Every structure is written in structure tokens, then in C-alpha cells.
Amino acid sequence: MLRLQWLSSSLLPPLNPELCAQPCKNPRRCRFNSSRQLFTLTATRKPSPKCQYASWNTQQPAFEPASQTDSYSPQTRAGAAAALPPRFFVGHSIYKGKAALSIEPRPPEFTPIDSGAFKVSRQGFVMLQLAPAAGVRQYDWSRKQVFSLSLTELGSLVALGPRESCEFFHDPYKGKSDEGKVRKILKVEPLPDGSGHFFNLSVQNKLINVDESIYIPITKAEYTVLVEAFKFILPHLMGWHTIANTMMRPEDSSRVNNANPRYGGESGDFEWSR
């Protein structure tokens, strides 16, 4: 058992910085100096006298799998959200004489399940934006057109050969009352001299009377950068990077497996255990 004590810094002796030059060997009895107050965690066994600062691992996941009896209340969600690390928005842009191309990855979405773990509710994607030129090194982003590349479409671009082409069609209102009123077609075709590819995005939007086509040439080197970025981000868009943390902790993995038959147990044995 661990006991949490709240102590004033005036009641404790000054810390010896020489004792904390090395990482703590006994993190079960540590003091974390935060402004004018100190937290002290006391263990039942006798700790090492040289351990004074906690070694805080900022790489720990924000959400910890809970036991089957834990309830996922709104207060728990608020606390977990507050513990999330800061978000970063990244992208890559290519500027040419007639248009500009910008790509941005969008992360997957997760929802909690009864066991306290999380599952992917929506896979991530890459947002592609094209804006026409409005002058020399100026682009009209108010007229930009967007196209969301799915995992399969990203795979097609990664596997595209230097002389090959591909085409993607999107209807954002497919299955809805406005189906067919917005049509988006993205064509990726090789340049005549084989030095790269054309990206051509055609958008027909009958809802706002827009009919526009934006194209931009991409050199072989620029396309290679895009392909390498797509290869790197694909597992993250699938949410597979999150499993690395749980794979290092067998106790959490077994707890989730027992709580959800899909991940093991009598009804979900692994192939190699049969």
C-alpha cells in the first residue's frame, strides 16, 4: 500500500542536488518539488535514502486500461482529457506557378468500451487541399478544394509506378438526400516526360454552383517525399501505434483479453494456441 502525504516545503530539510544526479533507483519513495509544495509517496518497505526526486515518464499513455468494475464516468473522461499531452498540427505543402498543394494527417478517433480500454471508432485519413494561384507566389485559399485520402487510397498512391495512373471518386453525400449533387474526382497521372505526376482535382458542387478543376505538377523528388510520409503515417492512421504501450505490459494485456472475447479467451483463442 502507498500513502499520499501533503507536506509543506518549510517542514522538510533542503534537498541535496548531488543525491539526485542519477535517476531514482527506488521510485516508490520519491518527492516531487512543485513550486512551494511537495508530494511524498511512502512505501511499506524501507526505501533507498538517495531517492529524492521522482523520475516522471512523459511517454506514458494518457489513458490507462481500467478494471471491469471501474465505471467510465464523465468526471473520469474530463480528467483523462486534461491529462492529454499538447496537440501538434503538422503538414507539408508544395507551391507551383498555377496552384499549391497541402497535405495534413488527421488522427483516428477512439471510443471507450466496457472493459475500460479503447477501440478505434473511426480510422484516420490524410486531408489533401489544392488552392489556385492568385498571383506570383500568391494563392487563393478561399477557393481551395479538399479531398480526404483513405487508407486504401493512400496505399494506391504508395504503390503507384512512375508510368502508372490512378483515379479516386468521392460523393460526400452518398446515401443521403443530396447524393449526386457533389462530385469529386482526383486523378494522379504521370507527366509526359516521366519526371513526376500530375495531381488534378475536379469538383462539381451543384449545391453552391461550383465547377472547378485544379491541377499541379509534382516532381519525382516531391512525390517521393509524399510517399515516404504516407508510409510513415499509415500505421498511426490505423491506430496501431497505441498497441505498443500495452504490449510492454502483460498485466494490462491479459486484463483486456479476459474482459473482451474478441481478444482471446475461450471464444477467441489465438491460432498458435489451438
Protein backbone atom coordinates (compact mmCIF):
# COMPACT_ATOMS: atom_id res chain seq x y z
CA MET A 1 0.00 0.00 0.00
CA LEU A 2 1.10 3.54 -0.79
CA ARG A 3 0.21 6.53 1.35
CA LEU A 4 -0.02 10.04 -0.11
CA GLN A 5 1.09 12.87 2.17
CA TRP A 6 0.83 16.61 1.55
CA LEU A 7 3.71 18.42 3.19
CA SER A 8 4.82 21.99 3.25
CA SER A 9 8.31 22.67 1.99
CA SER A 10 9.07 24.53 5.20
CA LEU A 11 8.71 21.28 7.19
CA LEU A 12 11.25 19.34 5.16
CA PRO A 13 15.04 19.60 5.09
CA PRO A 14 16.64 21.08 1.99
CA LEU A 15 17.23 18.64 -0.85
CA ASN A 16 20.76 17.64 -1.74
CA PRO A 17 21.19 18.04 -5.52
CA GLU A 18 24.19 15.70 -5.50
CA LEU A 19 21.94 12.83 -4.45
CA CYS A 20 19.71 13.32 -7.47
CA ALA A 21 22.30 13.45 -10.22
CA GLN A 22 21.37 9.88 -11.21
CA PRO A 23 17.88 8.54 -11.98
CA CYS A 24 15.97 7.24 -8.99
CA LYS A 25 16.62 3.59 -8.23
CA ASN A 26 13.64 3.35 -5.94
CA PRO A 27 10.72 5.27 -7.45
CA ARG A 28 8.33 4.06 -4.70
CA ARG A 29 9.62 6.71 -2.28
CA CYS A 30 10.11 9.99 -4.03
CA ARG A 31 9.40 13.68 -3.61
CA PHE A 32 8.40 15.88 -6.49
CA ASN A 33 9.20 19.56 -5.92
CA SER A 34 6.38 21.61 -7.47
CA SER A 35 6.56 25.33 -6.66
CA ARG A 36 6.34 25.59 -2.86
CA GLN A 37 4.71 22.25 -2.09
CA LEU A 38 5.99 18.70 -2.07
CA PHE A 39 4.27 15.39 -2.72
CA THR A 40 5.67 12.40 -0.81
CA LEU A 41 4.86 8.76 -1.63
CA THR A 42 5.70 6.42 1.25
CA ALA A 43 6.09 2.66 0.72
CA THR A 44 5.70 -0.04 3.36
CA ARG A 45 9.28 -1.26 2.90
CA LYS A 46 12.38 0.76 3.70
CA PRO A 47 13.39 2.87 0.68
CA SER A 48 16.76 3.95 -0.54
CA PRO A 49 17.97 7.14 1.20
CA LYS A 50 19.32 8.56 -2.07
CA CYS A 51 15.99 8.72 -3.89
CA GLN A 52 14.59 12.24 -3.60
CA TYR A 53 13.07 13.14 -6.98
CA ALA A 54 10.56 11.10 -8.94
CA SER A 55 11.58 10.16 -12.46
CA TRP A 56 8.48 11.27 -14.37
CA ASN A 57 7.97 9.40 -17.64
CA THR A 58 6.22 11.76 -20.02
CA GLN A 59 5.86 9.00 -22.58
CA GLN A 60 3.23 7.10 -20.60
CA PRO A 61 -0.15 6.80 -22.38
CA ALA A 62 -2.82 9.27 -21.33
CA PHE A 63 -5.40 6.53 -20.80
CA GLU A 64 -4.82 3.52 -18.58
CA PRO A 65 -6.99 0.41 -19.08
CA ALA A 66 -9.27 0.11 -16.06
CA SER A 67 -10.63 -2.98 -14.36
CA GLN A 68 -14.02 -4.45 -15.22
CA THR A 69 -15.56 -2.92 -12.11
CA ASP A 70 -14.43 0.61 -12.90
CA SER A 71 -17.09 2.98 -14.21
CA TYR A 72 -16.23 5.35 -17.03
CA SER A 73 -17.97 8.47 -15.70
CA PRO A 74 -17.98 11.95 -17.28
CA GLN A 75 -15.65 13.11 -14.49
CA THR A 76 -13.19 10.37 -15.44
CA ARG A 77 -13.33 11.45 -19.06
CA ALA A 78 -12.72 15.07 -18.11
CA GLY A 79 -9.73 14.10 -16.00
CA ALA A 80 -8.31 11.90 -18.75
CA ALA A 81 -8.75 14.65 -21.32
CA ALA A 82 -6.96 17.12 -19.06
CA ALA A 83 -4.02 14.71 -18.80
CA LEU A 84 -3.54 14.53 -22.57
CA PRO A 85 -0.27 15.92 -23.93
CA PRO A 86 -0.39 19.06 -26.10
CA ARG A 87 -1.60 18.56 -29.65
CA PHE A 88 0.53 19.32 -32.69
CA PHE A 89 -0.69 20.29 -36.14
CA VAL A 90 1.68 19.36 -38.94
CA GLY A 91 1.55 19.33 -42.70
CA HIS A 92 3.51 19.60 -45.90
CA SER A 93 2.97 21.99 -48.82
CA ILE A 94 4.14 22.19 -52.42
CA TYR A 95 3.92 25.50 -54.27
CA LYS A 96 3.90 25.81 -58.04
CA GLY A 97 3.07 28.53 -60.55
CA LYS A 98 -0.63 27.69 -61.01
CA ALA A 99 -1.58 26.03 -57.73
CA ALA A 100 -0.47 24.93 -54.27
CA LEU A 101 -0.88 21.52 -52.69
CA SER A 102 -1.11 20.96 -48.93
CA ILE A 103 -1.45 17.67 -47.05
CA GLU A 104 -2.33 17.20 -43.39
CA PRO A 105 -2.76 13.93 -41.44
CA ARG A 106 -5.85 13.58 -39.29
CA PRO A 107 -5.63 11.09 -36.37
CA PRO A 108 -8.08 8.24 -35.74
CA GLU A 109 -10.87 8.53 -33.20
CA PHE A 110 -11.23 6.21 -30.19
CA THR A 111 -14.21 5.30 -28.03
CA PRO A 112 -14.19 3.54 -24.63
CA ILE A 113 -15.51 0.01 -24.20
CA ASP A 114 -16.90 -1.74 -21.12
CA SER A 115 -13.52 -3.12 -20.06
CA GLY A 116 -12.11 0.40 -19.71
CA ALA A 117 -9.93 0.06 -22.80
CA PHE A 118 -10.38 1.99 -26.06
CA LYS A 119 -11.06 0.93 -29.62
CA VAL A 120 -10.84 2.72 -32.95
CA SER A 121 -14.24 4.14 -33.90
CA ARG A 122 -13.01 5.98 -37.00
CA GLN A 123 -9.78 5.50 -38.88
CA GLY A 124 -7.57 8.47 -39.62
CA PHE A 125 -7.03 9.97 -43.04
CA VAL A 126 -4.92 12.49 -44.93
CA MET A 127 -6.55 15.77 -45.90
CA LEU A 128 -5.42 16.97 -49.31
CA GLN A 129 -6.04 20.63 -50.20
CA LEU A 130 -5.46 22.37 -53.52
CA ALA A 131 -5.69 26.14 -53.99
CA PRO A 132 -5.40 28.03 -57.32
CA ALA A 133 -2.81 30.72 -57.79
CA ALA A 134 -3.92 34.35 -57.42
CA GLY A 135 -0.64 35.94 -58.49
CA VAL A 136 3.09 35.47 -58.26
CA ARG A 137 3.67 33.30 -55.17
CA GLN A 138 0.11 34.06 -54.04
CA TYR A 139 -2.70 31.55 -53.67
CA ASP A 140 -6.42 31.95 -53.13
CA TRP A 141 -7.12 29.61 -50.21
CA SER A 142 -10.73 30.80 -50.09
CA ARG A 143 -11.24 28.81 -53.30
CA LYS A 144 -9.41 25.73 -52.09
CA GLN A 145 -10.82 22.29 -52.75
CA VAL A 146 -10.33 19.41 -50.32
CA PHE A 147 -10.12 15.66 -50.76
CA SER A 148 -9.79 13.14 -47.91
CA LEU A 149 -7.49 10.25 -48.76
CA SER A 150 -8.50 6.99 -47.08
CA LEU A 151 -6.07 4.23 -46.09
CA THR A 152 -6.72 2.28 -49.29
CA GLU A 153 -6.28 5.36 -51.45
CA LEU A 154 -3.01 6.15 -49.68
CA GLY A 155 -1.91 2.60 -50.42
CA SER A 156 -2.69 3.13 -54.11
CA LEU A 157 -0.53 6.27 -54.19
CA VAL A 158 2.32 4.49 -52.40
CA ALA A 159 2.25 1.60 -54.88
CA LEU A 160 1.90 3.84 -57.96
CA GLY A 161 4.64 3.31 -60.52
CA PRO A 162 6.37 6.11 -62.45
CA ARG A 163 4.28 5.39 -65.57
CA GLU A 164 1.05 4.43 -63.83
CA SER A 165 -2.04 6.49 -63.03
CA CYS A 166 -4.96 6.21 -60.63
CA GLU A 167 -8.31 7.88 -60.10
CA PHE A 168 -10.49 8.32 -56.99
CA PHE A 169 -14.14 9.35 -56.87
CA HIS A 170 -15.89 10.79 -53.82
CA ASP A 171 -19.50 11.71 -53.16
CA PRO A 172 -19.67 13.26 -49.66
CA TYR A 173 -23.47 12.85 -49.62
CA LYS A 174 -23.61 9.25 -50.75
CA GLY A 175 -26.58 7.53 -49.14
CA LYS A 176 -28.17 10.85 -48.19
CA SER A 177 -30.82 13.08 -49.73
CA ASP A 178 -28.22 15.18 -51.58
CA GLU A 179 -26.48 12.20 -53.17
CA GLY A 180 -25.03 13.06 -56.57
CA LYS A 181 -25.06 16.81 -56.05
CA VAL A 182 -21.36 16.93 -55.09
CA ARG A 183 -18.84 15.01 -57.16
CA LYS A 184 -15.10 14.99 -56.53
CA ILE A 185 -12.60 13.26 -58.81
CA LEU A 186 -8.88 13.12 -58.05
CA LYS A 187 -6.64 11.96 -60.89
CA VAL A 188 -2.95 11.23 -60.48
CA GLU A 189 -1.28 10.78 -63.86
CA PRO A 190 2.37 10.59 -64.98
CA LEU A 191 3.96 13.61 -66.62
CA PRO A 192 4.69 13.14 -70.34
CA ASP A 193 8.46 13.20 -69.81
CA GLY A 194 8.29 10.79 -66.86
CA SER A 195 9.66 13.36 -64.42
CA GLY A 196 6.77 13.09 -61.97
CA HIS A 197 2.98 13.15 -61.75
CA PHE A 198 0.04 15.50 -62.25
CA PHE A 199 -2.45 15.91 -59.40
CA ASN A 200 -5.79 17.03 -60.85
CA LEU A 201 -8.79 17.62 -58.58
CA SER A 202 -12.15 18.29 -60.23
CA VAL A 203 -15.10 19.36 -58.09
CA GLN A 204 -18.71 19.77 -59.19
CA ASN A 205 -20.91 21.15 -56.43
CA LYS A 206 -24.49 21.79 -57.52
CA LEU A 207 -25.45 22.98 -54.05
CA ILE A 208 -23.37 26.16 -54.36
CA ASN A 209 -22.89 26.21 -58.16
CA VAL A 210 -19.18 25.42 -58.17
CA ASP A 211 -17.45 23.68 -61.06
CA GLU A 212 -13.68 23.90 -60.71
CA SER A 213 -10.62 21.93 -61.67
CA ILE A 214 -7.23 22.49 -60.05
CA TYR A 215 -4.08 20.72 -61.17
CA ILE A 216 -0.48 20.85 -60.04
CA PRO A 217 2.64 19.07 -61.34
CA ILE A 218 4.62 17.08 -58.77
CA THR A 219 8.23 16.19 -59.49
CA LYS A 220 9.68 12.75 -58.83
CA ALA A 221 11.54 14.03 -55.76
CA GLU A 222 8.44 15.73 -54.37
CA TYR A 223 6.37 12.62 -54.97
CA THR A 224 8.98 10.52 -53.17
CA VAL A 225 8.63 12.78 -50.11
CA LEU A 226 4.86 12.29 -50.19
CA VAL A 227 5.17 8.52 -50.49
CA GLU A 228 7.59 8.27 -47.57
CA ALA A 229 5.29 10.43 -45.44
CA PHE A 230 2.32 8.23 -46.35
CA LYS A 231 4.26 5.08 -45.43
CA PHE A 232 5.20 6.51 -42.05
CA ILE A 233 1.74 7.76 -41.11
CA LEU A 234 -0.31 4.73 -42.24
CA PRO A 235 0.06 2.67 -39.00
CA HIS A 236 -0.79 5.78 -36.97
CA LEU A 237 -3.94 6.39 -39.02
CA MET A 238 -4.96 2.81 -38.21
CA GLY A 239 -4.32 3.38 -34.50
CA TRP A 240 -1.77 0.57 -34.39
CA HIS A 241 0.87 2.73 -32.71
CA THR A 242 -1.19 2.69 -29.49
CA ILE A 243 -0.77 -1.08 -29.06
CA ALA A 244 2.97 -0.66 -28.48
CA ASN A 245 2.36 0.59 -24.93
CA THR A 246 0.05 -2.28 -23.92
CA MET A 247 2.32 -4.91 -25.48
CA MET A 248 5.01 -3.91 -22.98
CA ARG A 249 2.67 -4.52 -20.03
CA PRO A 250 1.43 -8.13 -19.88
CA GLU A 251 -0.87 -7.45 -16.93
CA ASP A 252 -2.89 -4.90 -18.91
CA SER A 253 -2.99 -7.11 -21.99
CA SER A 254 -4.32 -10.10 -20.06
CA ARG A 255 -6.90 -7.94 -18.33
CA VAL A 256 -8.28 -6.69 -21.65
CA ASN A 257 -8.20 -10.20 -23.14
CA ASN A 258 -10.26 -11.61 -20.27
CA ALA A 259 -12.76 -8.78 -20.48
CA ASN A 260 -13.34 -8.93 -24.23
CA PRO A 261 -13.69 -12.33 -26.01
CA ARG A 262 -12.55 -10.75 -29.27
CA TYR A 263 -9.03 -10.51 -27.87
CA GLY A 264 -8.67 -14.03 -26.52
CA GLY A 265 -10.36 -16.35 -24.06
CA GLU A 266 -12.42 -19.43 -24.82
CA SER A 267 -14.23 -17.88 -27.80
CA GLY A 268 -11.22 -16.12 -29.30
CA ASP A 269 -8.17 -18.36 -28.96
CA PHE A 270 -5.12 -17.36 -30.91
CA GLU A 271 -4.26 -19.52 -33.90
CA TRP A 272 -0.98 -20.72 -32.44
CA SER A 273 -2.63 -21.81 -29.17
CA ARG A 274 -5.01 -24.26 -30.81
